[in-house]
Amino acid sequence: MLSEEDQDLRGELTRAIAELCRSPSLAALAASTGRTEAEVEASLRRLHSAHALLLHPDGRTPWVVHPFALSPGSCWVEADDRGWWANCLYCAFGIAAALRRDAAVHTRLGGEREAVEIRVTGGRVTPGDLVFHLSTPARRWWDNVIHACASFQPFRDEAEVEAWCARHGLPRGAVMTMPALWSFASDWYGGYLRTPWRKRSREEALALFERHGLAGGFWSL
């Protein structure tokens, strides 16, 4: 069970990453929250166990604090001459939404050779005719969240999705348009830099899915 202090720490950490473009040290996080480093570490472990963030195997160093990745991911997000890593385009859009800034996302179609730049400008996505494929079902995301994010990729069309799944032996999952993905990411991540940060319940997450027409077995939790 996460306490309000645990969730407040998560919010402080997320805002620090947005400002620094990297993770703050544990000492800096302790100083900004008025807690000891040992208390910060304990909170981070509870947040990790609750799937509110991902720690490195050392159990004390943040690895992924959604929507931000703290090691190179499949996307690089640029806004106002600053940049952040994201592990997938969903999170990349989430960064733009949380920052409330126009952004350019640099990634590759299917995580393969062809580079593509996707821009968010005034709440609109260009090019808007790409599609986004999520291979891993929602209920399995936290089994291995790094792999799940890596299996989420943009494509030119659904025919490319089918060929990619066959080529890599990965299951075909859900496909979203770029505008739909932006709307979903904006709704999920748009408030992540606000105070206080609070983790959604399962029921709240399902209600958000339903609000965006994301239903069926793939989206069950």
C-alpha atoms as a PDB file:
ATOM      1  CA  MET A   1       0.000   0.000   0.000  1.00  0.00           C
ATOM      2  CA  LEU A   2       1.437   3.337  -1.037  1.00  0.00           C
ATOM      3  CA  SER A   3       1.281   6.165   1.452  1.00  0.00           C
ATOM      4  CA  GLU A   4       0.718   9.792   0.501  1.00  0.00           C
ATOM      5  CA  GLU A   5       4.425  10.373   1.290  1.00  0.00           C
ATOM      6  CA  ASP A   6       5.423   7.641  -1.184  1.00  0.00           C
ATOM      7  CA  GLN A   7       3.263   9.172  -3.906  1.00  0.00           C
ATOM      8  CA  ASP A   8       4.461  12.686  -3.101  1.00  0.00           C
ATOM      9  CA  LEU A   9       8.020  11.423  -3.571  1.00  0.00           C
ATOM     10  CA  ARG A  10       7.078   9.979  -6.957  1.00  0.00           C
ATOM     11  CA  GLY A  11       5.679  13.344  -7.977  1.00  0.00           C
ATOM     12  CA  GLU A  12       8.794  15.176  -6.805  1.00  0.00           C
ATOM     13  CA  LEU A  13      11.002  12.711  -8.685  1.00  0.00           C
ATOM     14  CA  THR A  14       8.979  13.084 -11.898  1.00  0.00           C
ATOM     15  CA  ARG A  15       9.122  16.878 -11.751  1.00  0.00           C
ATOM     16  CA  ALA A  16      12.879  16.771 -11.090  1.00  0.00           C
ATOM     17  CA  ILE A  17      13.435  14.562 -14.156  1.00  0.00           C
ATOM     18  CA  ALA A  18      11.388  16.972 -16.271  1.00  0.00           C
ATOM     19  CA  GLU A  19      13.553  19.851 -15.059  1.00  0.00           C
ATOM     20  CA  LEU A  20      16.972  18.157 -15.114  1.00  0.00           C
ATOM     21  CA  CYS A  21      16.458  15.851 -18.132  1.00  0.00           C
ATOM     22  CA  ARG A  22      17.890  13.092 -15.926  1.00  0.00           C
ATOM     23  CA  SER A  23      17.255  11.613 -12.492  1.00  0.00           C
ATOM     24  CA  PRO A  24      18.321  13.576  -9.404  1.00  0.00           C
ATOM     25  CA  SER A  25      20.668  11.895  -6.950  1.00  0.00           C
ATOM     26  CA  LEU A  26      19.141  10.212  -3.905  1.00  0.00           C
ATOM     27  CA  ALA A  27      20.784  12.896  -1.763  1.00  0.00           C
ATOM     28  CA  ALA A  28      19.157  15.656  -3.810  1.00  0.00           C
ATOM     29  CA  LEU A  29      15.776  13.901  -3.700  1.00  0.00           C
ATOM     30  CA  ALA A  30      16.098  13.499   0.080  1.00  0.00           C
ATOM     31  CA  ALA A  31      16.973  17.180   0.472  1.00  0.00           C
ATOM     32  CA  SER A  32      14.064  18.374  -1.677  1.00  0.00           C
ATOM     33  CA  THR A  33      11.565  16.252   0.252  1.00  0.00           C
ATOM     34  CA  GLY A  34      12.981  16.763   3.744  1.00  0.00           C
ATOM     35  CA  ARG A  35      13.586  13.054   4.220  1.00  0.00           C
ATOM     36  CA  THR A  36      16.621  10.896   4.839  1.00  0.00           C
ATOM     37  CA  GLU A  37      18.222   8.914   2.035  1.00  0.00           C
ATOM     38  CA  ALA A  38      17.182   5.703   3.781  1.00  0.00           C
ATOM     39  CA  GLU A  39      13.556   6.900   3.838  1.00  0.00           C
ATOM     40  CA  VAL A  40      13.756   7.847   0.150  1.00  0.00           C
ATOM     41  CA  GLU A  41      15.158   4.419  -0.747  1.00  0.00           C
ATOM     42  CA  ALA A  42      12.388   2.682   1.183  1.00  0.00           C
ATOM     43  CA  SER A  43       9.745   4.769  -0.625  1.00  0.00           C
ATOM     44  CA  LEU A  44      11.313   4.014  -3.995  1.00  0.00           C
ATOM     45  CA  ARG A  45      11.184   0.289  -3.264  1.00  0.00           C
ATOM     46  CA  ARG A  46       7.506   0.511  -2.332  1.00  0.00           C
ATOM     47  CA  LEU A  47       6.793   2.492  -5.514  1.00  0.00           C
ATOM     48  CA  HIS A  48       8.648  -0.169  -7.514  1.00  0.00           C
ATOM     49  CA  SER A  49       6.631  -2.972  -5.885  1.00  0.00           C
ATOM     50  CA  ALA A  50       3.402  -1.107  -6.672  1.00  0.00           C
ATOM     51  CA  HIS A  51       4.413  -0.681 -10.339  1.00  0.00           C
ATOM     52  CA  ALA A  52       4.537   3.100  -9.929  1.00  0.00           C
ATOM     53  CA  LEU A  53       8.098   3.162 -11.303  1.00  0.00           C
ATOM     54  CA  LEU A  54      10.899   0.753 -12.155  1.00  0.00           C
ATOM     55  CA  LEU A  55      14.194   0.513 -10.267  1.00  0.00           C
ATOM     56  CA  HIS A  56      17.440  -0.970 -11.477  1.00  0.00           C
ATOM     57  CA  PRO A  57      18.234  -4.413  -9.992  1.00  0.00           C
ATOM     58  CA  ASP A  58      20.227  -2.630  -7.257  1.00  0.00           C
ATOM     59  CA  GLY A  59      16.847  -1.739  -5.711  1.00  0.00           C
ATOM     60  CA  ARG A  60      17.695   1.926  -5.196  1.00  0.00           C
ATOM     61  CA  THR A  61      18.296   3.622  -8.564  1.00  0.00           C
ATOM     62  CA  PRO A  62      15.375   4.765 -10.760  1.00  0.00           C
ATOM     63  CA  TRP A  63      15.411   3.173 -14.228  1.00  0.00           C
ATOM     64  CA  VAL A  64      12.009   4.156 -15.652  1.00  0.00           C
ATOM     65  CA  VAL A  65       9.761   6.822 -14.161  1.00  0.00           C
ATOM     66  CA  HIS A  66       6.947   6.952 -16.690  1.00  0.00           C
ATOM     67  CA  PRO A  67       6.695   8.696 -19.009  1.00  0.00           C
ATOM     68  CA  PHE A  68      10.457   9.263 -18.696  1.00  0.00           C
ATOM     69  CA  ALA A  69      13.145   6.659 -19.380  1.00  0.00           C
ATOM     70  CA  LEU A  70      16.470   7.138 -17.584  1.00  0.00           C
ATOM     71  CA  SER A  71      18.545   5.118 -20.036  1.00  0.00           C
ATOM     72  CA  PRO A  72      18.379   5.238 -23.848  1.00  0.00           C
ATOM     73  CA  GLY A  73      14.966   4.187 -25.125  1.00  0.00           C
ATOM     74  CA  SER A  74      13.479   3.859 -28.588  1.00  0.00           C
ATOM     75  CA  CYS A  75      12.424   7.532 -28.631  1.00  0.00           C
ATOM     76  CA  TRP A  76      14.173  10.851 -28.126  1.00  0.00           C
ATOM     77  CA  VAL A  77      11.848  13.732 -27.271  1.00  0.00           C
ATOM     78  CA  GLU A  78      12.963  17.318 -27.950  1.00  0.00           C
ATOM     79  CA  ALA A  79      11.168  20.398 -26.655  1.00  0.00           C
ATOM     80  CA  ASP A  80      12.551  23.924 -26.263  1.00  0.00           C
ATOM     81  CA  ASP A  81      16.127  22.781 -27.003  1.00  0.00           C
ATOM     82  CA  ARG A  82      15.964  20.159 -24.252  1.00  0.00           C
ATOM     83  CA  GLY A  83      15.588  16.394 -24.500  1.00  0.00           C
ATOM     84  CA  TRP A  84      14.425  13.272 -22.711  1.00  0.00           C
ATOM     85  CA  TRP A  85      14.411   9.543 -23.459  1.00  0.00           C
ATOM     86  CA  ALA A  86      11.191   7.550 -23.703  1.00  0.00           C
ATOM     87  CA  ASN A  87      10.869   3.795 -24.058  1.00  0.00           C
ATOM     88  CA  CYS A  88       8.040   4.013 -26.597  1.00  0.00           C
ATOM     89  CA  LEU A  89       6.014   6.512 -28.583  1.00  0.00           C
ATOM     90  CA  TYR A  90       3.148   6.312 -26.081  1.00  0.00           C
ATOM     91  CA  CYS A  91       5.498   7.569 -23.361  1.00  0.00           C
ATOM     92  CA  ALA A  92       7.088  10.080 -25.748  1.00  0.00           C
ATOM     93  CA  PHE A  93       3.664  11.606 -26.356  1.00  0.00           C
ATOM     94  CA  GLY A  94       3.149  11.434 -22.603  1.00  0.00           C
ATOM     95  CA  ILE A  95       6.239  13.579 -22.052  1.00  0.00           C
ATOM     96  CA  ALA A  96       4.949  16.227 -24.466  1.00  0.00           C
ATOM     97  CA  ALA A  97       1.543  16.113 -22.766  1.00  0.00           C
ATOM     98  CA  ALA A  98       2.975  16.335 -19.247  1.00  0.00           C
ATOM     99  CA  LEU A  99       5.281  19.217 -20.205  1.00  0.00           C
ATOM    100  CA  ARG A 100       2.445  20.903 -22.142  1.00  0.00           C
ATOM    101  CA  ARG A 101       4.893  21.846 -24.868  1.00  0.00           C
ATOM    102  CA  ASP A 102       5.203  21.255 -28.575  1.00  0.00           C
ATOM    103  CA  ALA A 103       7.733  18.505 -29.187  1.00  0.00           C
ATOM    104  CA  ALA A 104       9.597  16.524 -31.828  1.00  0.00           C
ATOM    105  CA  VAL A 105       9.912  12.780 -31.286  1.00  0.00           C
ATOM    106  CA  HIS A 106      12.732  10.929 -33.037  1.00  0.00           C
ATOM    107  CA  THR A 107      12.210   7.196 -33.429  1.00  0.00           C
ATOM    108  CA  ARG A 108      12.258   4.379 -36.036  1.00  0.00           C
ATOM    109  CA  LEU A 109       9.442   2.550 -37.784  1.00  0.00           C
ATOM    110  CA  GLY A 110       9.080  -0.847 -36.158  1.00  0.00           C
ATOM    111  CA  GLY A 111      12.281  -0.186 -34.215  1.00  0.00           C
ATOM    112  CA  GLU A 112      14.132  -1.067 -37.403  1.00  0.00           C
ATOM    113  CA  ARG A 113      16.080   0.905 -40.001  1.00  0.00           C
ATOM    114  CA  GLU A 114      13.819   3.740 -41.129  1.00  0.00           C
ATOM    115  CA  ALA A 115      14.028   6.835 -38.948  1.00  0.00           C
ATOM    116  CA  VAL A 116      10.985   9.036 -38.540  1.00  0.00           C
ATOM    117  CA  GLU A 117      10.294  12.332 -36.806  1.00  0.00           C
ATOM    118  CA  ILE A 118       6.847  12.781 -35.329  1.00  0.00           C
ATOM    119  CA  ARG A 119       5.850  16.264 -34.229  1.00  0.00           C
ATOM    120  CA  VAL A 120       3.303  17.379 -31.675  1.00  0.00           C
ATOM    121  CA  THR A 121       2.299  20.965 -32.432  1.00  0.00           C
ATOM    122  CA  GLY A 122      -0.623  22.684 -30.793  1.00  0.00           C
ATOM    123  CA  GLY A 123      -2.047  19.350 -29.744  1.00  0.00           C
ATOM    124  CA  ARG A 124      -1.893  17.906 -33.269  1.00  0.00           C
ATOM    125  CA  VAL A 125       0.361  15.093 -34.475  1.00  0.00           C
ATOM    126  CA  THR A 126       2.187  15.031 -37.818  1.00  0.00           C
ATOM    127  CA  PRO A 127       2.476  12.860 -39.751  1.00  0.00           C
ATOM    128  CA  GLY A 128      -0.963  11.795 -38.623  1.00  0.00           C
ATOM    129  CA  ASP A 129      -1.370   8.849 -40.969  1.00  0.00           C
ATOM    130  CA  LEU A 130       1.028   6.463 -39.194  1.00  0.00           C
ATOM    131  CA  VAL A 131      -0.306   3.761 -36.877  1.00  0.00           C
ATOM    132  CA  PHE A 132       0.908   2.551 -33.493  1.00  0.00           C
ATOM    133  CA  HIS A 133       0.988  -1.145 -32.629  1.00  0.00           C
ATOM    134  CA  LEU A 134       1.020  -2.492 -29.069  1.00  0.00           C
ATOM    135  CA  SER A 135       2.070  -6.130 -29.102  1.00  0.00           C
ATOM    136  CA  THR A 136       1.954  -6.891 -25.357  1.00  0.00           C
ATOM    137  CA  PRO A 137      -1.521  -6.982 -23.684  1.00  0.00           C
ATOM    138  CA  ALA A 138      -2.131  -4.428 -20.926  1.00  0.00           C
ATOM    139  CA  ARG A 139      -2.357  -7.038 -18.157  1.00  0.00           C
ATOM    140  CA  ARG A 140       1.174  -8.225 -19.045  1.00  0.00           C
ATOM    141  CA  TRP A 141       2.923  -4.850 -19.257  1.00  0.00           C
ATOM    142  CA  TRP A 142       4.489  -5.042 -15.822  1.00  0.00           C
ATOM    143  CA  ASP A 143       5.628  -8.657 -16.232  1.00  0.00           C
ATOM    144  CA  ASN A 144       8.574  -7.030 -18.049  1.00  0.00           C
ATOM    145  CA  VAL A 145       7.825  -3.372 -18.668  1.00  0.00           C
ATOM    146  CA  ILE A 146      11.035  -2.777 -20.642  1.00  0.00           C
ATOM    147  CA  HIS A 147      10.111  -5.524 -23.120  1.00  0.00           C
ATOM    148  CA  ALA A 148       6.492  -4.382 -23.242  1.00  0.00           C
ATOM    149  CA  CYS A 149       7.501  -0.832 -24.173  1.00  0.00           C
ATOM    150  CA  ALA A 150       9.989  -2.166 -26.733  1.00  0.00           C
ATOM    151  CA  SER A 151       7.147  -4.103 -28.392  1.00  0.00           C
ATOM    152  CA  PHE A 152       5.165  -0.875 -28.910  1.00  0.00           C
ATOM    153  CA  GLN A 153       6.193   0.617 -32.251  1.00  0.00           C
ATOM    154  CA  PRO A 154       4.977   2.969 -35.003  1.00  0.00           C
ATOM    155  CA  PHE A 155       4.317   1.755 -38.559  1.00  0.00           C
ATOM    156  CA  ARG A 156       3.134   3.171 -41.847  1.00  0.00           C
ATOM    157  CA  ASP A 157       0.057   0.935 -41.946  1.00  0.00           C
ATOM    158  CA  GLU A 158      -1.473  -2.277 -40.618  1.00  0.00           C
ATOM    159  CA  ALA A 159       0.052  -4.367 -43.412  1.00  0.00           C
ATOM    160  CA  GLU A 160       3.491  -3.440 -42.048  1.00  0.00           C
ATOM    161  CA  VAL A 161       2.311  -4.449 -38.577  1.00  0.00           C
ATOM    162  CA  GLU A 162       1.336  -7.911 -39.834  1.00  0.00           C
ATOM    163  CA  ALA A 163       4.644  -8.417 -41.622  1.00  0.00           C
ATOM    164  CA  TRP A 164       6.629  -7.186 -38.602  1.00  0.00           C
ATOM    165  CA  CYS A 165       4.832  -9.548 -36.205  1.00  0.00           C
ATOM    166  CA  ALA A 166       5.477 -12.493 -38.530  1.00  0.00           C
ATOM    167  CA  ARG A 167       9.117 -11.535 -39.032  1.00  0.00           C
ATOM    168  CA  HIS A 168       9.867 -11.228 -35.328  1.00  0.00           C
ATOM    169  CA  GLY A 169       7.549 -13.921 -33.986  1.00  0.00           C
ATOM    170  CA  LEU A 170       5.641 -11.408 -31.849  1.00  0.00           C
ATOM    171  CA  PRO A 171       1.878 -11.418 -31.329  1.00  0.00           C
ATOM    172  CA  ARG A 172      -0.345  -8.943 -33.089  1.00  0.00           C
ATOM    173  CA  GLY A 173      -2.025  -6.801 -30.483  1.00  0.00           C
ATOM    174  CA  ALA A 174      -3.873  -3.497 -30.654  1.00  0.00           C
ATOM    175  CA  VAL A 175      -3.429  -0.843 -33.348  1.00  0.00           C
ATOM    176  CA  MET A 176      -4.125   2.852 -32.794  1.00  0.00           C
ATOM    177  CA  THR A 177      -4.029   5.890 -35.056  1.00  0.00           C
ATOM    178  CA  MET A 178      -1.634   8.705 -34.168  1.00  0.00           C
ATOM    179  CA  PRO A 179      -4.432  11.092 -33.115  1.00  0.00           C
ATOM    180  CA  ALA A 180      -5.958   8.356 -30.928  1.00  0.00           C
ATOM    181  CA  LEU A 181      -2.593   7.596 -29.343  1.00  0.00           C
ATOM    182  CA  TRP A 182      -1.978  11.283 -28.642  1.00  0.00           C
ATOM    183  CA  SER A 183      -5.428  11.632 -27.047  1.00  0.00           C
ATOM    184  CA  PHE A 184      -4.859   8.537 -24.880  1.00  0.00           C
ATOM    185  CA  ALA A 185      -1.341   9.556 -23.825  1.00  0.00           C
ATOM    186  CA  SER A 186      -2.502  13.096 -23.064  1.00  0.00           C
ATOM    187  CA  ASP A 187      -5.284  11.820 -20.834  1.00  0.00           C
ATOM    188  CA  TRP A 188      -3.020   9.340 -19.028  1.00  0.00           C
ATOM    189  CA  TYR A 189       0.097  11.474 -18.587  1.00  0.00           C
ATOM    190  CA  GLY A 190      -1.146  15.049 -18.888  1.00  0.00           C
ATOM    191  CA  GLY A 191      -1.313  15.536 -15.124  1.00  0.00           C
ATOM    192  CA  TYR A 192       1.882  13.725 -14.163  1.00  0.00           C
ATOM    193  CA  LEU A 193       3.801  16.906 -13.273  1.00  0.00           C
ATOM    194  CA  ARG A 194       1.023  18.345 -11.157  1.00  0.00           C
ATOM    195  CA  THR A 195       0.944  18.314  -7.371  1.00  0.00           C
ATOM    196  CA  PRO A 196      -0.007  15.932  -5.870  1.00  0.00           C
ATOM    197  CA  TRP A 197       0.844  12.921  -8.042  1.00  0.00           C
ATOM    198  CA  ARG A 198      -1.411   9.943  -7.291  1.00  0.00           C
ATOM    199  CA  LYS A 199      -1.338   6.435  -8.751  1.00  0.00           C
ATOM    200  CA  ARG A 200      -4.516   5.376 -10.527  1.00  0.00           C
ATOM    201  CA  SER A 201      -6.476   2.451  -9.189  1.00  0.00           C
ATOM    202  CA  ARG A 202      -7.288  -0.489 -11.458  1.00  0.00           C
ATOM    203  CA  GLU A 203     -10.844   0.813 -11.752  1.00  0.00           C
ATOM    204  CA  GLU A 204      -9.647   4.295 -12.696  1.00  0.00           C
ATOM    205  CA  ALA A 205      -7.302   2.856 -15.321  1.00  0.00           C
ATOM    206  CA  LEU A 206     -10.082   0.765 -16.859  1.00  0.00           C
ATOM    207  CA  ALA A 207     -12.390   3.784 -16.903  1.00  0.00           C
ATOM    208  CA  LEU A 208      -9.726   5.767 -18.778  1.00  0.00           C
ATOM    209  CA  PHE A 209      -9.313   2.906 -21.267  1.00  0.00           C
ATOM    210  CA  GLU A 210     -13.063   2.835 -21.813  1.00  0.00           C
ATOM    211  CA  ARG A 211     -13.154   6.608 -22.314  1.00  0.00           C
ATOM    212  CA  HIS A 212     -10.848   6.126 -25.300  1.00  0.00           C
ATOM    213  CA  GLY A 213     -12.693   3.131 -26.728  1.00  0.00           C
ATOM    214  CA  LEU A 214     -10.013   0.683 -25.587  1.00  0.00           C
ATOM    215  CA  ALA A 215     -12.022  -2.407 -24.761  1.00  0.00           C
ATOM    216  CA  GLY A 216     -11.813  -6.175 -25.089  1.00  0.00           C
ATOM    217  CA  GLY A 217      -9.396  -8.777 -23.874  1.00  0.00           C
ATOM    218  CA  PHE A 218      -6.256  -6.892 -24.872  1.00  0.00           C
ATOM    219  CA  TRP A 219      -7.121  -4.048 -22.488  1.00  0.00           C
ATOM    220  CA  SER A 220      -8.284  -6.144 -19.529  1.00  0.00           C
ATOM    221  CA  LEU A 221      -6.351  -5.755 -16.256  1.00  0.00           C
END
